[in-house]
Amino acid sequence: MGGIHLQNIGRFIVKNMVWLVVLVGAAGAVFPATLSWIAPQVPLLLGIVMFGMGMTIEFKDFRHLVRHPWDVGIGVLAQFTIMPLVAYLLTQAFSLPPDLAVGVILVGTCPGGTASNVITYLAKGDVALSVTMTMATTLLAPFVTPFLTLLLAGEEIAVNAPAMMLSIAEMVLLPVLLGAALNHFFRRRVAYALTVLPLISALLVALLVGVVVSMSAPRLAEVGTLVALAVVLHNGFGLALGYALAGLLGLSAPKRRAIGIEVGMQNSGMAASLALLYFNPAAAIPAALFSVWHNISGSLAANWFTRRDADESEISADVSL
């Protein structure tokens, strides 16, 4: 009974994650001392989230990569071209100062976030493709994210790419691989943990946002509107261009939805952690705002897709009559 109770709580919190993140962020802004002390533990928090992600990976996910390399390849290429380039163009269009610019670029160069898998499911997209894309981009992140960040932001601000590569390997790659190994060798024993992982992940992501806000509240008050606009456009272009590219290359509707959602929804927790480690709290502001907004936009996109499916079903029924 306790497991079922926790599972229900987890579902409720994940469903209302946006409000949880906003609430914790507001607490960080009003009472910064309550959360700022957690900042040194941010890498550990992210590692726990990524370990949980690893525990959801099965070897059949790798089989999907082998059986459908074209689909996954398109998605990975879209992920690591569309979002970084859009990020760079937005920083130039808005003339963002270096610390905020590198924060936007970090969001763009990070892999897809795990929330995209849930949104893809709600949108009736190809969930297997979404999960495989998240896995593939996460495994590539230690190499691709530092390189792209250096390429796009290196002229504006110092980027220690080798150190960043090592940090991503420690915070992201190693926990994911350990979680996947644990799930493979001890699947029955971790079954209960899998039911509460969404709850733990949601709480930790909200805590990450709260820490960022607590450390950068004065700067957020100054530039919040401008950065929020950049974040909304970044996410919107990612969703739309990812979907459009998949369509141009002839992929089916479920695959287009998976790729569009995966491209538009980033691992903002990773971006925030890297910003705090290698730049300054202000550089983490875009990631914190992205954490809130992409859950809202993803839910709206899923609702739009499902409503469109319902409308098309009604039209087909009318035609058949």
C-alpha atoms as a PDB file:
ATOM      1  CA  MET A   1       0.000   0.000   0.000  1.00  0.00           C
ATOM      2  CA  GLY A   2       2.833   2.377   0.829  1.00  0.00           C
ATOM      3  CA  GLY A   3       4.389   1.857  -2.594  1.00  0.00           C
ATOM      4  CA  ILE A   4       1.089   2.557  -4.335  1.00  0.00           C
ATOM      5  CA  HIS A   5       0.604   5.671  -2.199  1.00  0.00           C
ATOM      6  CA  LEU A   6       4.054   7.000  -3.094  1.00  0.00           C
ATOM      7  CA  GLN A   7       3.483   6.163  -6.752  1.00  0.00           C
ATOM      8  CA  ASN A   8       0.247   8.165  -6.749  1.00  0.00           C
ATOM      9  CA  ILE A   9       1.992  11.095  -5.056  1.00  0.00           C
ATOM     10  CA  GLY A  10       4.746  10.878  -7.664  1.00  0.00           C
ATOM     11  CA  ARG A  11       2.254  10.973 -10.529  1.00  0.00           C
ATOM     12  CA  PHE A  12       0.497  13.967  -9.027  1.00  0.00           C
ATOM     13  CA  ILE A  13       3.741  15.894  -8.510  1.00  0.00           C
ATOM     14  CA  VAL A  14       5.079  15.083 -11.992  1.00  0.00           C
ATOM     15  CA  LYS A  15       1.741  16.140 -13.515  1.00  0.00           C
ATOM     16  CA  ASN A  16       1.945  19.431 -11.632  1.00  0.00           C
ATOM     17  CA  MET A  17       5.722  19.811 -11.819  1.00  0.00           C
ATOM     18  CA  VAL A  18       5.499  23.302 -13.287  1.00  0.00           C
ATOM     19  CA  TRP A  19       3.826  24.620 -10.152  1.00  0.00           C
ATOM     20  CA  LEU A  20       6.302  22.810  -7.913  1.00  0.00           C
ATOM     21  CA  VAL A  21       9.225  24.416  -9.764  1.00  0.00           C
ATOM     22  CA  VAL A  22       7.579  27.851  -9.604  1.00  0.00           C
ATOM     23  CA  LEU A  23       6.898  27.435  -5.874  1.00  0.00           C
ATOM     24  CA  VAL A  24      10.453  26.377  -5.037  1.00  0.00           C
ATOM     25  CA  GLY A  25      11.858  29.102  -7.308  1.00  0.00           C
ATOM     26  CA  ALA A  26       9.745  31.709  -5.544  1.00  0.00           C
ATOM     27  CA  ALA A  27      11.004  30.429  -2.186  1.00  0.00           C
ATOM     28  CA  GLY A  28      14.556  30.793  -3.462  1.00  0.00           C
ATOM     29  CA  ALA A  29      13.891  34.394  -4.506  1.00  0.00           C
ATOM     30  CA  VAL A  30      12.166  35.455  -1.269  1.00  0.00           C
ATOM     31  CA  PHE A  31      14.271  33.413   1.174  1.00  0.00           C
ATOM     32  CA  PRO A  32      17.592  32.846  -0.646  1.00  0.00           C
ATOM     33  CA  ALA A  33      19.456  31.657   2.442  1.00  0.00           C
ATOM     34  CA  THR A  34      17.150  28.638   2.689  1.00  0.00           C
ATOM     35  CA  LEU A  35      18.467  27.208  -0.597  1.00  0.00           C
ATOM     36  CA  SER A  36      21.769  28.881  -1.532  1.00  0.00           C
ATOM     37  CA  TRP A  37      23.718  26.662   0.876  1.00  0.00           C
ATOM     38  CA  ILE A  38      22.821  23.656  -1.313  1.00  0.00           C
ATOM     39  CA  ALA A  39      24.823  25.068  -4.264  1.00  0.00           C
ATOM     40  CA  PRO A  40      27.981  22.967  -3.573  1.00  0.00           C
ATOM     41  CA  GLN A  41      25.801  19.842  -3.803  1.00  0.00           C
ATOM     42  CA  VAL A  42      24.366  20.655  -7.236  1.00  0.00           C
ATOM     43  CA  PRO A  43      26.606  18.134  -9.091  1.00  0.00           C
ATOM     44  CA  LEU A  44      25.484  15.439  -6.647  1.00  0.00           C
ATOM     45  CA  LEU A  45      21.808  16.331  -7.165  1.00  0.00           C
ATOM     46  CA  LEU A  46      22.193  16.130 -10.934  1.00  0.00           C
ATOM     47  CA  GLY A  47      24.060  12.847 -10.589  1.00  0.00           C
ATOM     48  CA  ILE A  48      21.144  11.372  -8.642  1.00  0.00           C
ATOM     49  CA  VAL A  49      18.689  12.517 -11.322  1.00  0.00           C
ATOM     50  CA  MET A  50      20.830  10.980 -14.072  1.00  0.00           C
ATOM     51  CA  PHE A  51      21.288   7.770 -12.071  1.00  0.00           C
ATOM     52  CA  GLY A  52      17.502   7.542 -11.934  1.00  0.00           C
ATOM     53  CA  MET A  53      17.337   8.064 -15.673  1.00  0.00           C
ATOM     54  CA  GLY A  54      19.853   5.263 -16.154  1.00  0.00           C
ATOM     55  CA  MET A  55      17.685   2.908 -14.111  1.00  0.00           C
ATOM     56  CA  THR A  56      14.909   3.327 -16.685  1.00  0.00           C
ATOM     57  CA  ILE A  57      17.181   2.269 -19.584  1.00  0.00           C
ATOM     58  CA  GLU A  58      16.959  -1.298 -20.871  1.00  0.00           C
ATOM     59  CA  PHE A  59      19.106  -3.064 -23.440  1.00  0.00           C
ATOM     60  CA  LYS A  60      16.154  -3.075 -25.844  1.00  0.00           C
ATOM     61  CA  ASP A  61      16.667   0.701 -26.092  1.00  0.00           C
ATOM     62  CA  PHE A  62      20.073   0.009 -27.633  1.00  0.00           C
ATOM     63  CA  ARG A  63      18.441  -2.470 -30.023  1.00  0.00           C
ATOM     64  CA  HIS A  64      16.141   0.317 -31.212  1.00  0.00           C
ATOM     65  CA  LEU A  65      19.242   2.367 -32.002  1.00  0.00           C
ATOM     66  CA  VAL A  66      20.677  -0.481 -34.095  1.00  0.00           C
ATOM     67  CA  ARG A  67      17.401  -1.269 -35.870  1.00  0.00           C
ATOM     68  CA  HIS A  68      16.440   2.336 -36.626  1.00  0.00           C
ATOM     69  CA  PRO A  69      19.737   4.211 -37.072  1.00  0.00           C
ATOM     70  CA  TRP A  70      18.239   6.610 -39.647  1.00  0.00           C
ATOM     71  CA  ASP A  71      15.486   7.841 -37.325  1.00  0.00           C
ATOM     72  CA  VAL A  72      17.786   8.167 -34.325  1.00  0.00           C
ATOM     73  CA  GLY A  73      20.526   9.764 -36.423  1.00  0.00           C
ATOM     74  CA  ILE A  74      18.134  12.418 -37.708  1.00  0.00           C
ATOM     75  CA  GLY A  75      17.008  13.146 -34.164  1.00  0.00           C
ATOM     76  CA  VAL A  76      20.521  13.376 -32.720  1.00  0.00           C
ATOM     77  CA  LEU A  77      21.693  15.582 -35.579  1.00  0.00           C
ATOM     78  CA  ALA A  78      18.670  17.852 -35.122  1.00  0.00           C
ATOM     79  CA  GLN A  79      19.302  18.011 -31.365  1.00  0.00           C
ATOM     80  CA  PHE A  80      22.917  19.102 -31.680  1.00  0.00           C
ATOM     81  CA  THR A  81      22.446  21.526 -34.589  1.00  0.00           C
ATOM     82  CA  ILE A  82      19.061  23.239 -34.220  1.00  0.00           C
ATOM     83  CA  MET A  83      19.197  24.090 -30.517  1.00  0.00           C
ATOM     84  CA  PRO A  84      22.848  25.299 -30.415  1.00  0.00           C
ATOM     85  CA  LEU A  85      22.452  27.419 -33.560  1.00  0.00           C
ATOM     86  CA  VAL A  86      19.146  28.933 -32.438  1.00  0.00           C
ATOM     87  CA  ALA A  87      20.725  29.677 -29.049  1.00  0.00           C
ATOM     88  CA  TYR A  88      23.647  31.474 -30.659  1.00  0.00           C
ATOM     89  CA  LEU A  89      21.412  33.504 -32.992  1.00  0.00           C
ATOM     90  CA  LEU A  90      19.185  34.558 -30.090  1.00  0.00           C
ATOM     91  CA  THR A  91      22.161  35.740 -28.034  1.00  0.00           C
ATOM     92  CA  GLN A  92      23.231  37.865 -30.994  1.00  0.00           C
ATOM     93  CA  ALA A  93      19.732  39.178 -31.733  1.00  0.00           C
ATOM     94  CA  PHE A  94      19.169  40.226 -28.110  1.00  0.00           C
ATOM     95  CA  SER A  95      22.780  41.377 -27.569  1.00  0.00           C
ATOM     96  CA  LEU A  96      22.915  39.387 -24.337  1.00  0.00           C
ATOM     97  CA  PRO A  97      25.882  40.016 -22.019  1.00  0.00           C
ATOM     98  CA  PRO A  98      28.452  37.193 -21.974  1.00  0.00           C
ATOM     99  CA  ASP A  99      27.291  35.507 -18.760  1.00  0.00           C
ATOM    100  CA  LEU A 100      23.665  35.272 -19.932  1.00  0.00           C
ATOM    101  CA  ALA A 101      24.699  34.412 -23.490  1.00  0.00           C
ATOM    102  CA  VAL A 102      26.754  31.431 -22.359  1.00  0.00           C
ATOM    103  CA  GLY A 103      23.799  30.335 -20.232  1.00  0.00           C
ATOM    104  CA  VAL A 104      21.478  30.314 -23.259  1.00  0.00           C
ATOM    105  CA  ILE A 105      24.109  28.507 -25.326  1.00  0.00           C
ATOM    106  CA  LEU A 106      24.610  25.906 -22.589  1.00  0.00           C
ATOM    107  CA  VAL A 107      20.900  25.112 -22.678  1.00  0.00           C
ATOM    108  CA  GLY A 108      21.166  24.688 -26.444  1.00  0.00           C
ATOM    109  CA  THR A 109      24.217  22.425 -26.375  1.00  0.00           C
ATOM    110  CA  CYS A 110      22.901  20.057 -23.691  1.00  0.00           C
ATOM    111  CA  PRO A 111      21.167  16.769 -24.555  1.00  0.00           C
ATOM    112  CA  GLY A 112      17.431  16.170 -24.458  1.00  0.00           C
ATOM    113  CA  GLY A 113      15.703  16.036 -21.096  1.00  0.00           C
ATOM    114  CA  THR A 114      13.878  13.045 -19.634  1.00  0.00           C
ATOM    115  CA  ALA A 115      10.607  14.994 -19.432  1.00  0.00           C
ATOM    116  CA  SER A 116      10.461  14.769 -23.233  1.00  0.00           C
ATOM    117  CA  ASN A 117       9.722  11.054 -22.985  1.00  0.00           C
ATOM    118  CA  VAL A 118       6.602  11.687 -20.910  1.00  0.00           C
ATOM    119  CA  ILE A 119       5.439  14.504 -23.197  1.00  0.00           C
ATOM    120  CA  THR A 120       6.003  12.307 -26.275  1.00  0.00           C
ATOM    121  CA  TYR A 121       3.816   9.632 -24.700  1.00  0.00           C
ATOM    122  CA  LEU A 122       1.065  12.168 -23.999  1.00  0.00           C
ATOM    123  CA  ALA A 123       1.349  13.489 -27.576  1.00  0.00           C
ATOM    124  CA  LYS A 124       0.997   9.935 -28.977  1.00  0.00           C
ATOM    125  CA  GLY A 125       4.470  10.124 -30.455  1.00  0.00           C
ATOM    126  CA  ASP A 126       7.067   7.383 -30.891  1.00  0.00           C
ATOM    127  CA  VAL A 127       8.131   6.871 -27.271  1.00  0.00           C
ATOM    128  CA  ALA A 128      10.817   4.305 -28.135  1.00  0.00           C
ATOM    129  CA  LEU A 129      12.447   6.827 -30.486  1.00  0.00           C
ATOM    130  CA  SER A 130      12.222   9.553 -27.832  1.00  0.00           C
ATOM    131  CA  VAL A 131      13.845   7.363 -25.176  1.00  0.00           C
ATOM    132  CA  THR A 132      16.586   6.266 -27.583  1.00  0.00           C
ATOM    133  CA  MET A 133      17.293   9.868 -28.591  1.00  0.00           C
ATOM    134  CA  THR A 134      17.553  10.941 -24.950  1.00  0.00           C
ATOM    135  CA  MET A 135      19.911   8.065 -24.268  1.00  0.00           C
ATOM    136  CA  ALA A 136      22.059   8.704 -27.356  1.00  0.00           C
ATOM    137  CA  THR A 137      22.410  12.461 -26.862  1.00  0.00           C
ATOM    138  CA  THR A 138      23.154  11.962 -23.162  1.00  0.00           C
ATOM    139  CA  LEU A 139      25.936   9.485 -23.936  1.00  0.00           C
ATOM    140  CA  LEU A 140      27.379  11.902 -26.511  1.00  0.00           C
ATOM    141  CA  ALA A 141      27.095  14.943 -24.235  1.00  0.00           C
ATOM    142  CA  PRO A 142      30.542  14.692 -22.573  1.00  0.00           C
ATOM    143  CA  PHE A 143      32.133  15.175 -25.981  1.00  0.00           C
ATOM    144  CA  VAL A 144      29.621  17.304 -27.904  1.00  0.00           C
ATOM    145  CA  THR A 145      28.421  19.780 -25.249  1.00  0.00           C
ATOM    146  CA  PRO A 146      31.871  21.200 -24.280  1.00  0.00           C
ATOM    147  CA  PHE A 147      32.956  21.396 -27.935  1.00  0.00           C
ATOM    148  CA  LEU A 148      29.825  23.255 -29.070  1.00  0.00           C
ATOM    149  CA  THR A 149      29.910  25.564 -26.041  1.00  0.00           C
ATOM    150  CA  LEU A 150      33.533  26.463 -26.776  1.00  0.00           C
ATOM    151  CA  LEU A 151      32.762  26.949 -30.473  1.00  0.00           C
ATOM    152  CA  LEU A 152      29.743  29.220 -29.925  1.00  0.00           C
ATOM    153  CA  ALA A 153      30.679  31.064 -26.727  1.00  0.00           C
ATOM    154  CA  GLY A 154      34.472  30.855 -26.582  1.00  0.00           C
ATOM    155  CA  GLU A 155      35.008  34.296 -28.113  1.00  0.00           C
ATOM    156  CA  GLU A 156      32.819  35.981 -25.487  1.00  0.00           C
ATOM    157  CA  ILE A 157      33.782  34.161 -22.306  1.00  0.00           C
ATOM    158  CA  ALA A 158      36.434  31.672 -21.192  1.00  0.00           C
ATOM    159  CA  VAL A 159      35.243  28.079 -21.641  1.00  0.00           C
ATOM    160  CA  ASN A 160      37.275  25.283 -20.051  1.00  0.00           C
ATOM    161  CA  ALA A 161      36.155  22.514 -22.411  1.00  0.00           C
ATOM    162  CA  PRO A 162      38.394  19.684 -21.050  1.00  0.00           C
ATOM    163  CA  ALA A 163      37.276  20.282 -17.458  1.00  0.00           C
ATOM    164  CA  MET A 164      33.648  20.542 -18.585  1.00  0.00           C
ATOM    165  CA  MET A 165      34.011  17.242 -20.428  1.00  0.00           C
ATOM    166  CA  LEU A 166      35.248  15.558 -17.258  1.00  0.00           C
ATOM    167  CA  SER A 167      32.428  17.056 -15.176  1.00  0.00           C
ATOM    168  CA  ILE A 168      29.767  15.856 -17.610  1.00  0.00           C
ATOM    169  CA  ALA A 169      31.290  12.382 -17.569  1.00  0.00           C
ATOM    170  CA  GLU A 170      31.155  12.362 -13.752  1.00  0.00           C
ATOM    171  CA  MET A 171      27.734  14.018 -13.306  1.00  0.00           C
ATOM    172  CA  VAL A 172      25.919  12.517 -16.279  1.00  0.00           C
ATOM    173  CA  LEU A 173      27.594   9.665 -18.127  1.00  0.00           C
ATOM    174  CA  LEU A 174      28.826   7.602 -15.159  1.00  0.00           C
ATOM    175  CA  PRO A 175      25.527   7.782 -13.190  1.00  0.00           C
ATOM    176  CA  VAL A 176      23.514   6.857 -16.311  1.00  0.00           C
ATOM    177  CA  LEU A 177      25.716   3.830 -17.017  1.00  0.00           C
ATOM    178  CA  LEU A 178      25.621   2.725 -13.359  1.00  0.00           C
ATOM    179  CA  GLY A 179      21.844   3.063 -13.266  1.00  0.00           C
ATOM    180  CA  ALA A 180      21.463   1.075 -16.488  1.00  0.00           C
ATOM    181  CA  ALA A 181      23.741  -1.680 -15.138  1.00  0.00           C
ATOM    182  CA  LEU A 182      21.797  -1.851 -11.882  1.00  0.00           C
ATOM    183  CA  ASN A 183      18.523  -2.136 -13.787  1.00  0.00           C
ATOM    184  CA  HIS A 184      19.915  -4.910 -15.976  1.00  0.00           C
ATOM    185  CA  PHE A 185      21.464  -7.089 -13.284  1.00  0.00           C
ATOM    186  CA  PHE A 186      19.042  -6.431 -10.404  1.00  0.00           C
ATOM    187  CA  ARG A 187      15.784  -5.636 -12.236  1.00  0.00           C
ATOM    188  CA  ARG A 188      13.467  -7.251  -9.693  1.00  0.00           C
ATOM    189  CA  ARG A 189      15.128  -5.513  -6.766  1.00  0.00           C
ATOM    190  CA  VAL A 190      14.944  -2.061  -8.348  1.00  0.00           C
ATOM    191  CA  ALA A 191      11.307  -2.438  -9.451  1.00  0.00           C
ATOM    192  CA  TYR A 192      10.043  -0.568  -6.384  1.00  0.00           C
ATOM    193  CA  ALA A 193      12.607   2.205  -6.825  1.00  0.00           C
ATOM    194  CA  LEU A 194      11.350   2.777 -10.376  1.00  0.00           C
ATOM    195  CA  THR A 195       7.895   3.632  -9.032  1.00  0.00           C
ATOM    196  CA  VAL A 196       9.235   6.499  -6.912  1.00  0.00           C
ATOM    197  CA  LEU A 197      11.915   7.770  -9.316  1.00  0.00           C
ATOM    198  CA  PRO A 198       9.615  10.314 -11.012  1.00  0.00           C
ATOM    199  CA  LEU A 199       8.848  11.822  -7.588  1.00  0.00           C
ATOM    200  CA  ILE A 200      12.537  12.038  -6.642  1.00  0.00           C
ATOM    201  CA  SER A 201      13.559  13.471 -10.016  1.00  0.00           C
ATOM    202  CA  ALA A 202      10.820  16.123  -9.939  1.00  0.00           C
ATOM    203  CA  LEU A 203      11.801  17.217  -6.420  1.00  0.00           C
ATOM    204  CA  LEU A 204      15.507  17.417  -7.277  1.00  0.00           C
ATOM    205  CA  VAL A 205      14.947  19.377 -10.503  1.00  0.00           C
ATOM    206  CA  ALA A 206      12.752  21.831  -8.594  1.00  0.00           C
ATOM    207  CA  LEU A 207      15.481  22.123  -5.969  1.00  0.00           C
ATOM    208  CA  LEU A 208      18.066  22.879  -8.673  1.00  0.00           C
ATOM    209  CA  VAL A 209      15.893  25.706  -9.973  1.00  0.00           C
ATOM    210  CA  GLY A 210      15.419  27.046  -6.452  1.00  0.00           C
ATOM    211  CA  VAL A 211      19.175  27.070  -5.854  1.00  0.00           C
ATOM    212  CA  VAL A 212      19.788  29.002  -9.092  1.00  0.00           C
ATOM    213  CA  VAL A 213      17.129  31.583  -8.234  1.00  0.00           C
ATOM    214  CA  SER A 214      18.409  31.973  -4.664  1.00  0.00           C
ATOM    215  CA  MET A 215      21.896  32.757  -5.952  1.00  0.00           C
ATOM    216  CA  SER A 216      20.893  35.108  -8.775  1.00  0.00           C
ATOM    217  CA  ALA A 217      17.675  36.794  -7.602  1.00  0.00           C
ATOM    218  CA  PRO A 218      18.943  40.417  -8.030  1.00  0.00           C
ATOM    219  CA  ARG A 219      20.176  39.751 -11.575  1.00  0.00           C
ATOM    220  CA  LEU A 220      17.005  37.835 -12.404  1.00  0.00           C
ATOM    221  CA  ALA A 221      14.936  40.889 -11.450  1.00  0.00           C
ATOM    222  CA  GLU A 222      16.991  42.995 -13.871  1.00  0.00           C
ATOM    223  CA  VAL A 223      17.036  40.729 -16.926  1.00  0.00           C
ATOM    224  CA  GLY A 224      14.243  38.244 -16.263  1.00  0.00           C
ATOM    225  CA  THR A 225      11.882  39.500 -18.970  1.00  0.00           C
ATOM    226  CA  LEU A 226      14.531  39.566 -21.700  1.00  0.00           C
ATOM    227  CA  VAL A 227      15.911  36.137 -20.836  1.00  0.00           C
ATOM    228  CA  ALA A 228      12.395  34.711 -20.523  1.00  0.00           C
ATOM    229  CA  LEU A 229      11.633  35.899 -24.062  1.00  0.00           C
ATOM    230  CA  ALA A 230      14.840  34.288 -25.339  1.00  0.00           C
ATOM    231  CA  VAL A 231      13.943  31.041 -23.549  1.00  0.00           C
ATOM    232  CA  VAL A 232      10.406  30.955 -24.980  1.00  0.00           C
ATOM    233  CA  LEU A 233      11.704  31.564 -28.510  1.00  0.00           C
ATOM    234  CA  HIS A 234      14.511  29.031 -28.091  1.00  0.00           C
ATOM    235  CA  ASN A 235      12.114  26.324 -26.991  1.00  0.00           C
ATOM    236  CA  GLY A 236       9.510  27.237 -29.614  1.00  0.00           C
ATOM    237  CA  PHE A 237      11.984  27.167 -32.496  1.00  0.00           C
ATOM    238  CA  GLY A 238      13.327  23.832 -31.237  1.00  0.00           C
ATOM    239  CA  LEU A 239       9.878  22.230 -31.171  1.00  0.00           C
ATOM    240  CA  ALA A 240       8.869  23.620 -34.571  1.00  0.00           C
ATOM    241  CA  LEU A 241      12.145  23.118 -36.458  1.00  0.00           C
ATOM    242  CA  GLY A 242      12.696  19.606 -35.072  1.00  0.00           C
ATOM    243  CA  TYR A 243       9.211  18.617 -36.178  1.00  0.00           C
ATOM    244  CA  ALA A 244       9.627  20.291 -39.583  1.00  0.00           C
ATOM    245  CA  LEU A 245      13.007  18.672 -40.278  1.00  0.00           C
ATOM    246  CA  ALA A 246      11.648  15.211 -39.488  1.00  0.00           C
ATOM    247  CA  GLY A 247       8.730  15.909 -41.811  1.00  0.00           C
ATOM    248  CA  LEU A 248      10.983  17.073 -44.647  1.00  0.00           C
ATOM    249  CA  LEU A 249      12.942  13.835 -44.349  1.00  0.00           C
ATOM    250  CA  GLY A 250       9.760  11.772 -44.697  1.00  0.00           C
ATOM    251  CA  LEU A 251       9.323  10.436 -41.165  1.00  0.00           C
ATOM    252  CA  SER A 252       5.893   9.364 -39.908  1.00  0.00           C
ATOM    253  CA  ALA A 253       3.722  11.570 -37.698  1.00  0.00           C
ATOM    254  CA  PRO A 254       4.614   9.748 -34.420  1.00  0.00           C
ATOM    255  CA  LYS A 255       8.321  10.047 -35.234  1.00  0.00           C
ATOM    256  CA  ARG A 256       7.957  13.736 -36.168  1.00  0.00           C
ATOM    257  CA  ARG A 257       6.305  14.380 -32.818  1.00  0.00           C
ATOM    258  CA  ALA A 258       9.004  12.516 -30.911  1.00  0.00           C
ATOM    259  CA  ILE A 259      11.828  14.390 -32.640  1.00  0.00           C
ATOM    260  CA  GLY A 260      10.145  17.804 -32.348  1.00  0.00           C
ATOM    261  CA  ILE A 261       9.495  17.341 -28.630  1.00  0.00           C
ATOM    262  CA  GLU A 262      12.917  15.833 -27.963  1.00  0.00           C
ATOM    263  CA  VAL A 263      14.716  18.685 -29.731  1.00  0.00           C
ATOM    264  CA  GLY A 264      12.685  21.387 -27.979  1.00  0.00           C
ATOM    265  CA  MET A 265      13.001  19.986 -24.439  1.00  0.00           C
ATOM    266  CA  GLN A 266      16.520  20.153 -23.034  1.00  0.00           C
ATOM    267  CA  ASN A 267      18.293  18.771 -19.984  1.00  0.00           C
ATOM    268  CA  SER A 268      18.137  22.160 -18.287  1.00  0.00           C
ATOM    269  CA  GLY A 269      19.295  20.690 -14.974  1.00  0.00           C
ATOM    270  CA  MET A 270      22.594  19.794 -16.606  1.00  0.00           C
ATOM    271  CA  ALA A 271      22.861  23.275 -18.133  1.00  0.00           C
ATOM    272  CA  ALA A 272      22.235  24.908 -14.751  1.00  0.00           C
ATOM    273  CA  SER A 273      24.807  22.684 -13.047  1.00  0.00           C
ATOM    274  CA  LEU A 274      27.495  23.461 -15.633  1.00  0.00           C
ATOM    275  CA  ALA A 275      26.709  27.173 -15.430  1.00  0.00           C
ATOM    276  CA  LEU A 276      27.151  27.187 -11.658  1.00  0.00           C
ATOM    277  CA  LEU A 277      30.349  25.133 -11.848  1.00  0.00           C
ATOM    278  CA  TYR A 278      32.137  26.979 -14.641  1.00  0.00           C
ATOM    279  CA  PHE A 279      30.633  30.458 -14.923  1.00  0.00           C
ATOM    280  CA  ASN A 280      28.426  32.276 -12.392  1.00  0.00           C
ATOM    281  CA  PRO A 281      24.893  32.102 -10.960  1.00  0.00           C
ATOM    282  CA  ALA A 282      23.564  34.526 -13.604  1.00  0.00           C
ATOM    283  CA  ALA A 283      24.646  32.083 -16.330  1.00  0.00           C
ATOM    284  CA  ALA A 284      22.264  29.528 -14.815  1.00  0.00           C
ATOM    285  CA  ILE A 285      19.210  31.827 -15.115  1.00  0.00           C
ATOM    286  CA  PRO A 286      18.304  30.706 -18.686  1.00  0.00           C
ATOM    287  CA  ALA A 287      18.380  27.061 -17.608  1.00  0.00           C
ATOM    288  CA  ALA A 288      16.191  27.767 -14.570  1.00  0.00           C
ATOM    289  CA  LEU A 289      13.598  29.571 -16.701  1.00  0.00           C
ATOM    290  CA  PHE A 290      13.814  26.848 -19.343  1.00  0.00           C
ATOM    291  CA  SER A 291      13.003  24.224 -16.680  1.00  0.00           C
ATOM    292  CA  VAL A 292       9.712  25.958 -16.021  1.00  0.00           C
ATOM    293  CA  TRP A 293       8.764  26.908 -19.562  1.00  0.00           C
ATOM    294  CA  HIS A 294       9.530  23.696 -21.459  1.00  0.00           C
ATOM    295  CA  ASN A 295       7.201  21.724 -19.205  1.00  0.00           C
ATOM    296  CA  ILE A 296       4.425  24.210 -19.963  1.00  0.00           C
ATOM    297  CA  SER A 297       5.061  24.327 -23.711  1.00  0.00           C
ATOM    298  CA  GLY A 298       5.508  20.555 -23.904  1.00  0.00           C
ATOM    299  CA  SER A 299       2.163  19.982 -22.228  1.00  0.00           C
ATOM    300  CA  LEU A 300       0.515  22.494 -24.572  1.00  0.00           C
ATOM    301  CA  ALA A 301       2.085  20.761 -27.590  1.00  0.00           C
ATOM    302  CA  ALA A 302       0.856  17.350 -26.393  1.00  0.00           C
ATOM    303  CA  ASN A 303      -2.664  18.715 -25.910  1.00  0.00           C
ATOM    304  CA  TRP A 304      -2.601  20.257 -29.398  1.00  0.00           C
ATOM    305  CA  PHE A 305      -1.526  16.980 -31.008  1.00  0.00           C
ATOM    306  CA  THR A 306      -4.183  14.947 -29.205  1.00  0.00           C
ATOM    307  CA  ARG A 307      -6.910  17.476 -30.055  1.00  0.00           C
ATOM    308  CA  ARG A 308      -5.844  17.398 -33.698  1.00  0.00           C
ATOM    309  CA  ASP A 309      -6.026  13.599 -33.691  1.00  0.00           C
ATOM    310  CA  ALA A 310      -9.551  13.799 -32.257  1.00  0.00           C
ATOM    311  CA  ASP A 311     -10.608  16.330 -34.895  1.00  0.00           C
ATOM    312  CA  GLU A 312      -9.185  14.193 -37.695  1.00  0.00           C
ATOM    313  CA  SER A 313     -10.998  11.118 -36.314  1.00  0.00           C
ATOM    314  CA  GLU A 314     -14.281  13.032 -36.315  1.00  0.00           C
ATOM    315  CA  ILE A 315     -13.717  14.182 -39.903  1.00  0.00           C
ATOM    316  CA  SER A 316     -12.907  10.619 -41.002  1.00  0.00           C
ATOM    317  CA  ALA A 317     -16.045   9.343 -39.294  1.00  0.00           C
ATOM    318  CA  ASP A 318     -18.186  11.977 -41.019  1.00  0.00           C
ATOM    319  CA  VAL A 319     -16.676  11.141 -44.412  1.00  0.00           C
ATOM    320  CA  SER A 320     -17.265   7.414 -43.932  1.00  0.00           C
ATOM    321  CA  LEU A 321     -20.927   8.103 -43.124  1.00  0.00           C
END
